[in-house]
Amino acid sequence: KGRFTISRDNAKKTLYLQMIGLKPEDSAV
C-alpha cells in the first residue's frame, strides 16, 4: 500500500502495475 498502483487500458488490452519504493521482499515472479 502506498507503493504499488494497478491500472488498465482496455483499448490496448493491457494491465499495468506501477511499483515504487521497491524492497527486497518484493522480489518475486
mmCIF file of all heavy atoms, coordinates in Angstrom:
data_MODEL
# 
_entry.id   MODEL 
# 
loop_
_atom_site.group_PDB 
_atom_site.id 
_atom_site.type_symbol 
_atom_site.label_atom_id 
_atom_site.label_alt_id 
_atom_site.label_comp_id 
_atom_site.label_asym_id 
_atom_site.label_entity_id 
_atom_site.label_seq_id 
_atom_site.pdbx_PDB_ins_code 
_atom_site.Cartn_x 
_atom_site.Cartn_y 
_atom_site.Cartn_z 
_atom_site.occupancy 
_atom_site.B_iso_or_equiv 
_atom_site.pdbx_formal_charge 
_atom_site.auth_seq_id 
_atom_site.auth_comp_id 
_atom_site.auth_asym_id 
_atom_site.auth_atom_id 
_atom_site.pdbx_PDB_model_num 
ATOM 1   N N   . LYS A 1 1  ? 0.840   -1.201  0.000   1.00 0.00 ? 1  LYS A N   1 
ATOM 2   C CA  . LYS A 1 1  ? 0.000   0.000   0.000   1.00 0.00 ? 1  LYS A CA  1 
ATOM 3   C C   . LYS A 1 1  ? 0.874   1.251   0.000   1.00 0.00 ? 1  LYS A C   1 
ATOM 4   O O   . LYS A 1 1  ? 1.844   1.351   0.748   1.00 0.00 ? 1  LYS A O   1 
ATOM 5   C CB  . LYS A 1 1  ? -0.916  -0.016  1.215   1.00 0.00 ? 1  LYS A CB  1 
ATOM 6   C CG  . LYS A 1 1  ? -2.080  0.962   1.137   1.00 0.00 ? 1  LYS A CG  1 
ATOM 7   C CD  . LYS A 1 1  ? -3.148  0.614   2.148   1.00 0.00 ? 1  LYS A CD  1 
ATOM 8   C CE  . LYS A 1 1  ? -3.854  -0.679  1.802   1.00 0.00 ? 1  LYS A CE  1 
ATOM 9   N NZ  . LYS A 1 1  ? -4.965  -1.009  2.718   1.00 0.00 ? 1  LYS A NZ  1 
ATOM 10  N N   . GLY A 1 2  ? 0.514   2.195   -0.874  1.00 0.00 ? 2  GLY A N   1 
ATOM 11  C CA  . GLY A 1 2  ? 1.271   3.422   -0.996  1.00 0.00 ? 2  GLY A CA  1 
ATOM 12  C C   . GLY A 1 2  ? 2.475   3.302   -1.910  1.00 0.00 ? 2  GLY A C   1 
ATOM 13  O O   . GLY A 1 2  ? 3.143   4.299   -2.198  1.00 0.00 ? 2  GLY A O   1 
ATOM 14  N N   . ARG A 1 3  ? 2.760   2.079   -2.374  1.00 0.00 ? 3  ARG A N   1 
ATOM 15  C CA  . ARG A 1 3  ? 3.929   1.876   -3.238  1.00 0.00 ? 3  ARG A CA  1 
ATOM 16  C C   . ARG A 1 3  ? 3.548   1.310   -4.597  1.00 0.00 ? 3  ARG A C   1 
ATOM 17  O O   . ARG A 1 3  ? 4.197   1.628   -5.598  1.00 0.00 ? 3  ARG A O   1 
ATOM 18  C CB  . ARG A 1 3  ? 4.917   0.931   -2.552  1.00 0.00 ? 3  ARG A CB  1 
ATOM 19  C CG  . ARG A 1 3  ? 5.429   1.433   -1.214  1.00 0.00 ? 3  ARG A CG  1 
ATOM 20  C CD  . ARG A 1 3  ? 6.549   0.548   -0.668  1.00 0.00 ? 3  ARG A CD  1 
ATOM 21  N NE  . ARG A 1 3  ? 6.122   -0.817  -0.421  1.00 0.00 ? 3  ARG A NE  1 
ATOM 22  C CZ  . ARG A 1 3  ? 6.641   -1.888  -1.031  1.00 0.00 ? 3  ARG A CZ  1 
ATOM 23  N NH1 . ARG A 1 3  ? 7.596   -1.739  -1.938  1.00 0.00 ? 3  ARG A NH1 1 
ATOM 24  N NH2 . ARG A 1 3  ? 6.207   -3.106  -0.732  1.00 0.00 ? 3  ARG A NH2 1 
ATOM 25  N N   . PHE A 1 4  ? 2.523   0.482   -4.669  1.00 0.00 ? 4  PHE A N   1 
ATOM 26  C CA  . PHE A 1 4  ? 2.113   -0.155  -5.917  1.00 0.00 ? 4  PHE A CA  1 
ATOM 27  C C   . PHE A 1 4  ? 0.778   0.417   -6.379  1.00 0.00 ? 4  PHE A C   1 
ATOM 28  O O   . PHE A 1 4  ? -0.124  0.644   -5.563  1.00 0.00 ? 4  PHE A O   1 
ATOM 29  C CB  . PHE A 1 4  ? 1.951   -1.665  -5.742  1.00 0.00 ? 4  PHE A CB  1 
ATOM 30  C CG  . PHE A 1 4  ? 3.232   -2.429  -5.563  1.00 0.00 ? 4  PHE A CG  1 
ATOM 31  C CD1 . PHE A 1 4  ? 4.428   -1.806  -5.286  1.00 0.00 ? 4  PHE A CD1 1 
ATOM 32  C CD2 . PHE A 1 4  ? 3.219   -3.817  -5.680  1.00 0.00 ? 4  PHE A CD2 1 
ATOM 33  C CE1 . PHE A 1 4  ? 5.603   -2.527  -5.118  1.00 0.00 ? 4  PHE A CE1 1 
ATOM 34  C CE2 . PHE A 1 4  ? 4.381   -4.564  -5.516  1.00 0.00 ? 4  PHE A CE2 1 
ATOM 35  C CZ  . PHE A 1 4  ? 5.572   -3.911  -5.235  1.00 0.00 ? 4  PHE A CZ  1 
ATOM 36  N N   . THR A 1 5  ? 0.643   0.606   -7.688  1.00 0.00 ? 5  THR A N   1 
ATOM 37  C CA  . THR A 1 5  ? -0.600  1.091   -8.282  1.00 0.00 ? 5  THR A CA  1 
ATOM 38  C C   . THR A 1 5  ? -0.954  0.234   -9.492  1.00 0.00 ? 5  THR A C   1 
ATOM 39  O O   . THR A 1 5  ? -0.128  0.062   -10.387 1.00 0.00 ? 5  THR A O   1 
ATOM 40  C CB  . THR A 1 5  ? -0.472  2.554   -8.718  1.00 0.00 ? 5  THR A CB  1 
ATOM 41  O OG1 . THR A 1 5  ? -0.077  3.354   -7.603  1.00 0.00 ? 5  THR A OG1 1 
ATOM 42  C CG2 . THR A 1 5  ? -1.801  3.065   -9.260  1.00 0.00 ? 5  THR A CG2 1 
ATOM 43  N N   . ILE A 1 6  ? -2.169  -0.276  -9.505  1.00 0.00 ? 6  ILE A N   1 
ATOM 44  C CA  . ILE A 1 6  ? -2.638  -1.077  -10.639 1.00 0.00 ? 6  ILE A CA  1 
ATOM 45  C C   . ILE A 1 6  ? -3.533  -0.216  -11.526 1.00 0.00 ? 6  ILE A C   1 
ATOM 46  O O   . ILE A 1 6  ? -4.288  0.624   -11.041 1.00 0.00 ? 6  ILE A O   1 
ATOM 47  C CB  . ILE A 1 6  ? -3.393  -2.332  -10.148 1.00 0.00 ? 6  ILE A CB  1 
ATOM 48  C CG1 . ILE A 1 6  ? -3.761  -3.243  -11.310 1.00 0.00 ? 6  ILE A CG1 1 
ATOM 49  C CG2 . ILE A 1 6  ? -4.616  -1.958  -9.319  1.00 0.00 ? 6  ILE A CG2 1 
ATOM 50  C CD1 . ILE A 1 6  ? -4.348  -4.586  -10.871 1.00 0.00 ? 6  ILE A CD1 1 
ATOM 51  N N   . SER A 1 7  ? -3.422  -0.437  -12.827 1.00 0.00 ? 7  SER A N   1 
ATOM 52  C CA  . SER A 1 7  ? -4.272  0.287   -13.770 1.00 0.00 ? 7  SER A CA  1 
ATOM 53  C C   . SER A 1 7  ? -4.480  -0.584  -15.006 1.00 0.00 ? 7  SER A C   1 
ATOM 54  O O   . SER A 1 7  ? -3.825  -1.602  -15.181 1.00 0.00 ? 7  SER A O   1 
ATOM 55  C CB  . SER A 1 7  ? -3.652  1.632   -14.148 1.00 0.00 ? 7  SER A CB  1 
ATOM 56  O OG  . SER A 1 7  ? -2.400  1.439   -14.798 1.00 0.00 ? 7  SER A OG  1 
ATOM 57  N N   . ARG A 1 8  ? -5.417  -0.144  -15.842 1.00 0.00 ? 8  ARG A N   1 
ATOM 58  C CA  . ARG A 1 8  ? -5.738  -0.926  -17.026 1.00 0.00 ? 8  ARG A CA  1 
ATOM 59  C C   . ARG A 1 8  ? -6.026  -0.016  -18.198 1.00 0.00 ? 8  ARG A C   1 
ATOM 60  O O   . ARG A 1 8  ? -6.515  1.091   -18.022 1.00 0.00 ? 8  ARG A O   1 
ATOM 61  C CB  . ARG A 1 8  ? -6.940  -1.833  -16.764 1.00 0.00 ? 8  ARG A CB  1 
ATOM 62  C CG  . ARG A 1 8  ? -8.213  -1.076  -16.399 1.00 0.00 ? 8  ARG A CG  1 
ATOM 63  C CD  . ARG A 1 8  ? -9.244  -1.984  -15.722 1.00 0.00 ? 8  ARG A CD  1 
ATOM 64  N NE  . ARG A 1 8  ? -9.711  -3.028  -16.597 1.00 0.00 ? 8  ARG A NE  1 
ATOM 65  C CZ  . ARG A 1 8  ? -10.366 -4.107  -16.172 1.00 0.00 ? 8  ARG A CZ  1 
ATOM 66  N NH1 . ARG A 1 8  ? -10.609 -4.266  -14.884 1.00 0.00 ? 8  ARG A NH1 1 
ATOM 67  N NH2 . ARG A 1 8  ? -10.769 -5.033  -17.022 1.00 0.00 ? 8  ARG A NH2 1 
ATOM 68  N N   . ASP A 1 9  ? -5.714  -0.474  -19.401 1.00 0.00 ? 9  ASP A N   1 
ATOM 69  C CA  . ASP A 1 9  ? -6.071  0.223   -20.628 1.00 0.00 ? 9  ASP A CA  1 
ATOM 70  C C   . ASP A 1 9  ? -6.743  -0.815  -21.517 1.00 0.00 ? 9  ASP A C   1 
ATOM 71  O O   . ASP A 1 9  ? -6.077  -1.591  -22.211 1.00 0.00 ? 9  ASP A O   1 
ATOM 72  C CB  . ASP A 1 9  ? -4.820  0.800   -21.301 1.00 0.00 ? 9  ASP A CB  1 
ATOM 73  C CG  . ASP A 1 9  ? -5.149  1.645   -22.525 1.00 0.00 ? 9  ASP A CG  1 
ATOM 74  O OD1 . ASP A 1 9  ? -6.219  1.415   -23.147 1.00 0.00 ? 9  ASP A OD1 1 
ATOM 75  O OD2 . ASP A 1 9  ? -4.348  2.519   -22.858 1.00 0.00 ? 9  ASP A OD2 1 
ATOM 76  N N   . ASN A 1 10 ? -8.068  -0.842  -21.474 1.00 0.00 ? 10 ASN A N   1 
ATOM 77  C CA  . ASN A 1 10 ? -8.801  -1.874  -22.202 1.00 0.00 ? 10 ASN A CA  1 
ATOM 78  C C   . ASN A 1 10 ? -8.580  -1.782  -23.707 1.00 0.00 ? 10 ASN A C   1 
ATOM 79  O O   . ASN A 1 10 ? -8.548  -2.798  -24.394 1.00 0.00 ? 10 ASN A O   1 
ATOM 80  C CB  . ASN A 1 10 ? -10.289 -1.795  -21.874 1.00 0.00 ? 10 ASN A CB  1 
ATOM 81  C CG  . ASN A 1 10 ? -10.589 -2.301  -20.475 1.00 0.00 ? 10 ASN A CG  1 
ATOM 82  O OD1 . ASN A 1 10 ? -9.705  -2.406  -19.630 1.00 0.00 ? 10 ASN A OD1 1 
ATOM 83  N ND2 . ASN A 1 10 ? -11.857 -2.599  -20.221 1.00 0.00 ? 10 ASN A ND2 1 
ATOM 84  N N   . ALA A 1 11 ? -8.433  -0.572  -24.218 1.00 0.00 ? 11 ALA A N   1 
ATOM 85  C CA  . ALA A 1 11 ? -8.238  -0.412  -25.661 1.00 0.00 ? 11 ALA A CA  1 
ATOM 86  C C   . ALA A 1 11 ? -6.947  -1.082  -26.106 1.00 0.00 ? 11 ALA A C   1 
ATOM 87  O O   . ALA A 1 11 ? -6.860  -1.608  -27.228 1.00 0.00 ? 11 ALA A O   1 
ATOM 88  C CB  . ALA A 1 11 ? -8.222  1.062   -26.024 1.00 0.00 ? 11 ALA A CB  1 
ATOM 89  N N   . LYS A 1 12 ? -5.955  -1.059  -25.231 1.00 0.00 ? 12 LYS A N   1 
ATOM 90  C CA  . LYS A 1 12 ? -4.677  -1.692  -25.548 1.00 0.00 ? 12 LYS A CA  1 
ATOM 91  C C   . LYS A 1 12 ? -4.594  -3.113  -25.014 1.00 0.00 ? 12 LYS A C   1 
ATOM 92  O O   . LYS A 1 12 ? -3.561  -3.771  -25.148 1.00 0.00 ? 12 LYS A O   1 
ATOM 93  C CB  . LYS A 1 12 ? -3.518  -0.864  -24.980 1.00 0.00 ? 12 LYS A CB  1 
ATOM 94  C CG  . LYS A 1 12 ? -3.381  0.512   -25.593 1.00 0.00 ? 12 LYS A CG  1 
ATOM 95  C CD  . LYS A 1 12 ? -2.174  1.248   -25.018 1.00 0.00 ? 12 LYS A CD  1 
ATOM 96  C CE  . LYS A 1 12 ? -2.008  2.610   -25.671 1.00 0.00 ? 12 LYS A CE  1 
ATOM 97  N NZ  . LYS A 1 12 ? -0.847  3.356   -25.115 1.00 0.00 ? 12 LYS A NZ  1 
ATOM 98  N N   . LYS A 1 13 ? -5.686  -3.568  -24.376 1.00 0.00 ? 13 LYS A N   1 
ATOM 99  C CA  . LYS A 1 13 ? -5.721  -4.914  -23.775 1.00 0.00 ? 13 LYS A CA  1 
ATOM 100 C C   . LYS A 1 13 ? -4.543  -5.112  -22.837 1.00 0.00 ? 13 LYS A C   1 
ATOM 101 O O   . LYS A 1 13 ? -3.921  -6.177  -22.814 1.00 0.00 ? 13 LYS A O   1 
ATOM 102 C CB  . LYS A 1 13 ? -5.744  -5.991  -24.864 1.00 0.00 ? 13 LYS A CB  1 
ATOM 103 C CG  . LYS A 1 13 ? -6.973  -5.951  -25.754 1.00 0.00 ? 13 LYS A CG  1 
ATOM 104 C CD  . LYS A 1 13 ? -6.975  -7.071  -26.779 1.00 0.00 ? 13 LYS A CD  1 
ATOM 105 C CE  . LYS A 1 13 ? -5.933  -6.852  -27.844 1.00 0.00 ? 13 LYS A CE  1 
ATOM 106 N NZ  . LYS A 1 13 ? -6.002  -7.887  -28.908 1.00 0.00 ? 13 LYS A NZ  1 
ATOM 107 N N   . THR A 1 14 ? -4.240  -4.087  -22.052 1.00 0.00 ? 14 THR A N   1 
ATOM 108 C CA  . THR A 1 14 ? -3.044  -4.108  -21.219 1.00 0.00 ? 14 THR A CA  1 
ATOM 109 C C   . THR A 1 14 ? -3.365  -3.737  -19.779 1.00 0.00 ? 14 THR A C   1 
ATOM 110 O O   . THR A 1 14 ? -4.097  -2.782  -19.528 1.00 0.00 ? 14 THR A O   1 
ATOM 111 C CB  . THR A 1 14 ? -1.976  -3.154  -21.775 1.00 0.00 ? 14 THR A CB  1 
ATOM 112 O OG1 . THR A 1 14 ? -1.676  -3.515  -23.127 1.00 0.00 ? 14 THR A OG1 1 
ATOM 113 C CG2 . THR A 1 14 ? -0.707  -3.230  -20.944 1.00 0.00 ? 14 THR A CG2 1 
ATOM 114 N N   . LEU A 1 15 ? -2.784  -4.500  -18.872 1.00 0.00 ? 15 LEU A N   1 
ATOM 115 C CA  . LEU A 1 15 ? -2.858  -4.252  -17.442 1.00 0.00 ? 15 LEU A CA  1 
ATOM 116 C C   . LEU A 1 15 ? -1.476  -3.796  -16.979 1.00 0.00 ? 15 LEU A C   1 
ATOM 117 O O   . LEU A 1 15 ? -0.465  -4.314  -17.455 1.00 0.00 ? 15 LEU A O   1 
ATOM 118 C CB  . LEU A 1 15 ? -3.266  -5.532  -16.719 1.00 0.00 ? 15 LEU A CB  1 
ATOM 119 C CG  . LEU A 1 15 ? -3.547  -5.471  -15.233 1.00 0.00 ? 15 LEU A CG  1 
ATOM 120 C CD1 . LEU A 1 15 ? -4.867  -4.757  -14.973 1.00 0.00 ? 15 LEU A CD1 1 
ATOM 121 C CD2 . LEU A 1 15 ? -3.587  -6.881  -14.650 1.00 0.00 ? 15 LEU A CD2 1 
ATOM 122 N N   . TYR A 1 16 ? -1.443  -2.833  -16.051 1.00 0.00 ? 16 TYR A N   1 
ATOM 123 C CA  . TYR A 1 16 ? -0.178  -2.293  -15.582 1.00 0.00 ? 16 TYR A CA  1 
ATOM 124 C C   . TYR A 1 16 ? -0.050  -2.429  -14.066 1.00 0.00 ? 16 TYR A C   1 
ATOM 125 O O   . TYR A 1 16 ? -1.042  -2.461  -13.344 1.00 0.00 ? 16 TYR A O   1 
ATOM 126 C CB  . TYR A 1 16 ? -0.050  -0.813  -15.948 1.00 0.00 ? 16 TYR A CB  1 
ATOM 127 C CG  . TYR A 1 16 ? -0.131  -0.518  -17.414 1.00 0.00 ? 16 TYR A CG  1 
ATOM 128 C CD1 . TYR A 1 16 ? -1.325  -0.049  -17.980 1.00 0.00 ? 16 TYR A CD1 1 
ATOM 129 C CD2 . TYR A 1 16 ? 0.973   -0.684  -18.246 1.00 0.00 ? 16 TYR A CD2 1 
ATOM 130 C CE1 . TYR A 1 16 ? -1.407  0.232   -19.336 1.00 0.00 ? 16 TYR A CE1 1 
ATOM 131 C CE2 . TYR A 1 16 ? 0.901   -0.406  -19.600 1.00 0.00 ? 16 TYR A CE2 1 
ATOM 132 C CZ  . TYR A 1 16 ? -0.292  0.055   -20.141 1.00 0.00 ? 16 TYR A CZ  1 
ATOM 133 O OH  . TYR A 1 16 ? -0.361  0.330   -21.485 1.00 0.00 ? 16 TYR A OH  1 
ATOM 134 N N   . LEU A 1 17 ? 1.199   -2.472  -13.616 1.00 0.00 ? 17 LEU A N   1 
ATOM 135 C CA  . LEU A 1 17 ? 1.488   -2.381  -12.186 1.00 0.00 ? 17 LEU A CA  1 
ATOM 136 C C   . LEU A 1 17 ? 2.683   -1.454  -12.023 1.00 0.00 ? 17 LEU A C   1 
ATOM 137 O O   . LEU A 1 17 ? 3.808   -1.800  -12.393 1.00 0.00 ? 17 LEU A O   1 
ATOM 138 C CB  . LEU A 1 17 ? 1.791   -3.744  -11.575 1.00 0.00 ? 17 LEU A CB  1 
ATOM 139 C CG  . LEU A 1 17 ? 1.976   -3.742  -10.058 1.00 0.00 ? 17 LEU A CG  1 
ATOM 140 C CD1 . LEU A 1 17 ? 0.646   -3.410  -9.356  1.00 0.00 ? 17 LEU A CD1 1 
ATOM 141 C CD2 . LEU A 1 17 ? 2.505   -5.080  -9.552  1.00 0.00 ? 17 LEU A CD2 1 
ATOM 142 N N   . GLN A 1 18 ? 2.419   -0.260  -11.511 1.00 0.00 ? 18 GLN A N   1 
ATOM 143 C CA  . GLN A 1 18 ? 3.485   0.690   -11.226 1.00 0.00 ? 18 GLN A CA  1 
ATOM 144 C C   . GLN A 1 18 ? 3.991   0.424   -9.821  1.00 0.00 ? 18 GLN A C   1 
ATOM 145 O O   . GLN A 1 18 ? 3.202   0.424   -8.867  1.00 0.00 ? 18 GLN A O   1 
ATOM 146 C CB  . GLN A 1 18 ? 2.975   2.118   -11.353 1.00 0.00 ? 18 GLN A CB  1 
ATOM 147 C CG  . GLN A 1 18 ? 4.021   3.178   -11.042 1.00 0.00 ? 18 GLN A CG  1 
ATOM 148 C CD  . GLN A 1 18 ? 5.122   3.228   -12.078 1.00 0.00 ? 18 GLN A CD  1 
ATOM 149 O OE1 . GLN A 1 18 ? 4.858   3.324   -13.272 1.00 0.00 ? 18 GLN A OE1 1 
ATOM 150 N NE2 . GLN A 1 18 ? 6.371   3.161   -11.632 1.00 0.00 ? 18 GLN A NE2 1 
ATOM 151 N N   . MET A 1 19 ? 5.285   0.223   -9.692  1.00 0.00 ? 19 MET A N   1 
ATOM 152 C CA  . MET A 1 19 ? 5.877   -0.100  -8.395  1.00 0.00 ? 19 MET A CA  1 
ATOM 153 C C   . MET A 1 19 ? 6.961   0.917   -8.077  1.00 0.00 ? 19 MET A C   1 
ATOM 154 O O   . MET A 1 19 ? 7.879   1.115   -8.873  1.00 0.00 ? 19 MET A O   1 
ATOM 155 C CB  . MET A 1 19 ? 6.468   -1.510  -8.421  1.00 0.00 ? 19 MET A CB  1 
ATOM 156 C CG  . MET A 1 19 ? 5.485   -2.587  -8.882  1.00 0.00 ? 19 MET A CG  1 
ATOM 157 S SD  . MET A 1 19 ? 6.152   -4.258  -8.749  1.00 0.00 ? 19 MET A SD  1 
ATOM 158 C CE  . MET A 1 19 ? 7.458   -4.172  -9.957  1.00 0.00 ? 19 MET A CE  1 
ATOM 159 N N   . ILE A 1 20 ? 6.853   1.547   -6.924  1.00 0.00 ? 20 ILE A N   1 
ATOM 160 C CA  . ILE A 1 20 ? 7.878   2.464   -6.448  1.00 0.00 ? 20 ILE A CA  1 
ATOM 161 C C   . ILE A 1 20 ? 8.317   2.015   -5.062  1.00 0.00 ? 20 ILE A C   1 
ATOM 162 O O   . ILE A 1 20 ? 7.642   1.195   -4.435  1.00 0.00 ? 20 ILE A O   1 
ATOM 163 C CB  . ILE A 1 20 ? 7.377   3.920   -6.422  1.00 0.00 ? 20 ILE A CB  1 
ATOM 164 C CG1 . ILE A 1 20 ? 6.246   4.073   -5.407  1.00 0.00 ? 20 ILE A CG1 1 
ATOM 165 C CG2 . ILE A 1 20 ? 6.923   4.368   -7.810  1.00 0.00 ? 20 ILE A CG2 1 
ATOM 166 C CD1 . ILE A 1 20 ? 5.822   5.524   -5.183  1.00 0.00 ? 20 ILE A CD1 1 
ATOM 167 N N   . GLY A 1 21 ? 9.415   2.573   -4.584  1.00 0.00 ? 21 GLY A N   1 
ATOM 168 C CA  . GLY A 1 21 ? 9.887   2.220   -3.253  1.00 0.00 ? 21 GLY A CA  1 
ATOM 169 C C   . GLY A 1 21 ? 10.081  0.729   -3.061  1.00 0.00 ? 21 GLY A C   1 
ATOM 170 O O   . GLY A 1 21 ? 9.735   0.185   -2.011  1.00 0.00 ? 21 GLY A O   1 
ATOM 171 N N   . LEU A 1 22 ? 10.632  0.071   -4.062  1.00 0.00 ? 22 LEU A N   1 
ATOM 172 C CA  . LEU A 1 22 ? 10.756  -1.381  -4.008  1.00 0.00 ? 22 LEU A CA  1 
ATOM 173 C C   . LEU A 1 22 ? 11.666  -1.843  -2.876  1.00 0.00 ? 22 LEU A C   1 
ATOM 174 O O   . LEU A 1 22 ? 12.658  -1.186  -2.559  1.00 0.00 ? 22 LEU A O   1 
ATOM 175 C CB  . LEU A 1 22 ? 11.255  -1.916  -5.342  1.00 0.00 ? 22 LEU A CB  1 
ATOM 176 C CG  . LEU A 1 22 ? 10.180  -1.959  -6.439  1.00 0.00 ? 22 LEU A CG  1 
ATOM 177 C CD1 . LEU A 1 22 ? 10.799  -2.058  -7.822  1.00 0.00 ? 22 LEU A CD1 1 
ATOM 178 C CD2 . LEU A 1 22 ? 9.229   -3.111  -6.199  1.00 0.00 ? 22 LEU A CD2 1 
ATOM 179 N N   . LYS A 1 23 ? 11.293  -2.968  -2.282  1.00 0.00 ? 23 LYS A N   1 
ATOM 180 C CA  . LYS A 1 23 ? 12.021  -3.555  -1.167  1.00 0.00 ? 23 LYS A CA  1 
ATOM 181 C C   . LYS A 1 23 ? 12.497  -4.967  -1.556  1.00 0.00 ? 23 LYS A C   1 
ATOM 182 O O   . LYS A 1 23 ? 11.885  -5.601  -2.412  1.00 0.00 ? 23 LYS A O   1 
ATOM 183 C CB  . LYS A 1 23 ? 11.113  -3.651  0.057   1.00 0.00 ? 23 LYS A CB  1 
ATOM 184 C CG  . LYS A 1 23 ? 10.507  -2.331  0.490   1.00 0.00 ? 23 LYS A CG  1 
ATOM 185 C CD  . LYS A 1 23 ? 9.543   -2.538  1.652   1.00 0.00 ? 23 LYS A CD  1 
ATOM 186 C CE  . LYS A 1 23 ? 8.914   -1.227  2.096   1.00 0.00 ? 23 LYS A CE  1 
ATOM 187 N NZ  . LYS A 1 23 ? 7.973   -1.421  3.230   1.00 0.00 ? 23 LYS A NZ  1 
ATOM 188 N N   . PRO A 1 24 ? 13.530  -5.467  -0.917  1.00 0.00 ? 24 PRO A N   1 
ATOM 189 C CA  . PRO A 1 24 ? 13.989  -6.830  -1.232  1.00 0.00 ? 24 PRO A CA  1 
ATOM 190 C C   . PRO A 1 24 ? 12.872  -7.870  -1.117  1.00 0.00 ? 24 PRO A C   1 
ATOM 191 O O   . PRO A 1 24 ? 12.844  -8.821  -1.909  1.00 0.00 ? 24 PRO A O   1 
ATOM 192 C CB  . PRO A 1 24 ? 15.088  -7.056  -0.189  1.00 0.00 ? 24 PRO A CB  1 
ATOM 193 C CG  . PRO A 1 24 ? 15.642  -5.695  0.064   1.00 0.00 ? 24 PRO A CG  1 
ATOM 194 C CD  . PRO A 1 24 ? 14.448  -4.787  0.012   1.00 0.00 ? 24 PRO A CD  1 
ATOM 195 N N   . GLU A 1 25 ? 11.950  -7.688  -0.197  1.00 0.00 ? 25 GLU A N   1 
ATOM 196 C CA  . GLU A 1 25 ? 10.864  -8.654  -0.034  1.00 0.00 ? 25 GLU A CA  1 
ATOM 197 C C   . GLU A 1 25 ? 9.835   -8.597  -1.154  1.00 0.00 ? 25 GLU A C   1 
ATOM 198 O O   . GLU A 1 25 ? 8.939   -9.440  -1.212  1.00 0.00 ? 25 GLU A O   1 
ATOM 199 C CB  . GLU A 1 25 ? 10.159  -8.462  1.320   1.00 0.00 ? 25 GLU A CB  1 
ATOM 200 C CG  . GLU A 1 25 ? 9.708   -7.046  1.616   1.00 0.00 ? 25 GLU A CG  1 
ATOM 201 C CD  . GLU A 1 25 ? 10.709  -6.286  2.476   1.00 0.00 ? 25 GLU A CD  1 
ATOM 202 O OE1 . GLU A 1 25 ? 11.934  -6.418  2.237   1.00 0.00 ? 25 GLU A OE1 1 
ATOM 203 O OE2 . GLU A 1 25 ? 10.254  -5.544  3.364   1.00 0.00 ? 25 GLU A OE2 1 
ATOM 204 N N   . ASP A 1 26 ? 9.958   -7.617  -2.052  1.00 0.00 ? 26 ASP A N   1 
ATOM 205 C CA  . ASP A 1 26 ? 9.096   -7.582  -3.238  1.00 0.00 ? 26 ASP A CA  1 
ATOM 206 C C   . ASP A 1 26 ? 9.627   -8.483  -4.355  1.00 0.00 ? 26 ASP A C   1 
ATOM 207 O O   . ASP A 1 26 ? 8.951   -8.675  -5.368  1.00 0.00 ? 26 ASP A O   1 
ATOM 208 C CB  . ASP A 1 26 ? 8.987   -6.152  -3.774  1.00 0.00 ? 26 ASP A CB  1 
ATOM 209 C CG  . ASP A 1 26 ? 8.285   -5.214  -2.824  1.00 0.00 ? 26 ASP A CG  1 
ATOM 210 O OD1 . ASP A 1 26 ? 7.288   -5.629  -2.194  1.00 0.00 ? 26 ASP A OD1 1 
ATOM 211 O OD2 . ASP A 1 26 ? 8.731   -4.056  -2.702  1.00 0.00 ? 26 ASP A OD2 1 
ATOM 212 N N   . SER A 1 27 ? 10.821  -9.016  -4.179  1.00 0.00 ? 27 SER A N   1 
ATOM 213 C CA  . SER A 1 27 ? 11.409  -9.881  -5.199  1.00 0.00 ? 27 SER A CA  1 
ATOM 214 C C   . SER A 1 27 ? 10.536  -11.113 -5.394  1.00 0.00 ? 27 SER A C   1 
ATOM 215 O O   . SER A 1 27 ? 10.200  -11.811 -4.434  1.00 0.00 ? 27 SER A O   1 
ATOM 216 C CB  . SER A 1 27 ? 12.814  -10.305 -4.778  1.00 0.00 ? 27 SER A CB  1 
ATOM 217 O OG  . SER A 1 27 ? 13.677  -9.193  -4.701  1.00 0.00 ? 27 SER A OG  1 
ATOM 218 N N   . ALA A 1 28 ? 10.180  -11.374 -6.642  1.00 0.00 ? 28 ALA A N   1 
ATOM 219 C CA  . ALA A 1 28 ? 9.290   -12.488 -6.971  1.00 0.00 ? 28 ALA A CA  1 
ATOM 220 C C   . ALA A 1 28 ? 9.077   -12.504 -8.475  1.00 0.00 ? 28 ALA A C   1 
ATOM 221 O O   . ALA A 1 28 ? 9.491   -11.580 -9.174  1.00 0.00 ? 28 ALA A O   1 
ATOM 222 C CB  . ALA A 1 28 ? 7.946   -12.340 -6.261  1.00 0.00 ? 28 ALA A CB  1 
ATOM 223 N N   . VAL A 1 29 ? 8.404   -13.535 -8.949  1.00 0.00 ? 29 VAL A N   1 
ATOM 224 C CA  . VAL A 1 29 ? 7.901   -13.542 -10.319 1.00 0.00 ? 29 VAL A CA  1 
ATOM 225 C C   . VAL A 1 29 ? 6.487   -12.993 -10.264 1.00 0.00 ? 29 VAL A C   1 
ATOM 226 O O   . VAL A 1 29 ? 5.661   -13.473 -9.478  1.00 0.00 ? 29 VAL A O   1 
ATOM 227 C CB  . VAL A 1 29 ? 7.921   -14.946 -10.946 1.00 0.00 ? 29 VAL A CB  1 
ATOM 228 C CG1 . VAL A 1 29 ? 7.387   -14.887 -12.378 1.00 0.00 ? 29 VAL A CG1 1 
ATOM 229 C CG2 . VAL A 1 29 ? 9.333   -15.516 -10.926 1.00 0.00 ? 29 VAL A CG2 1 
# 
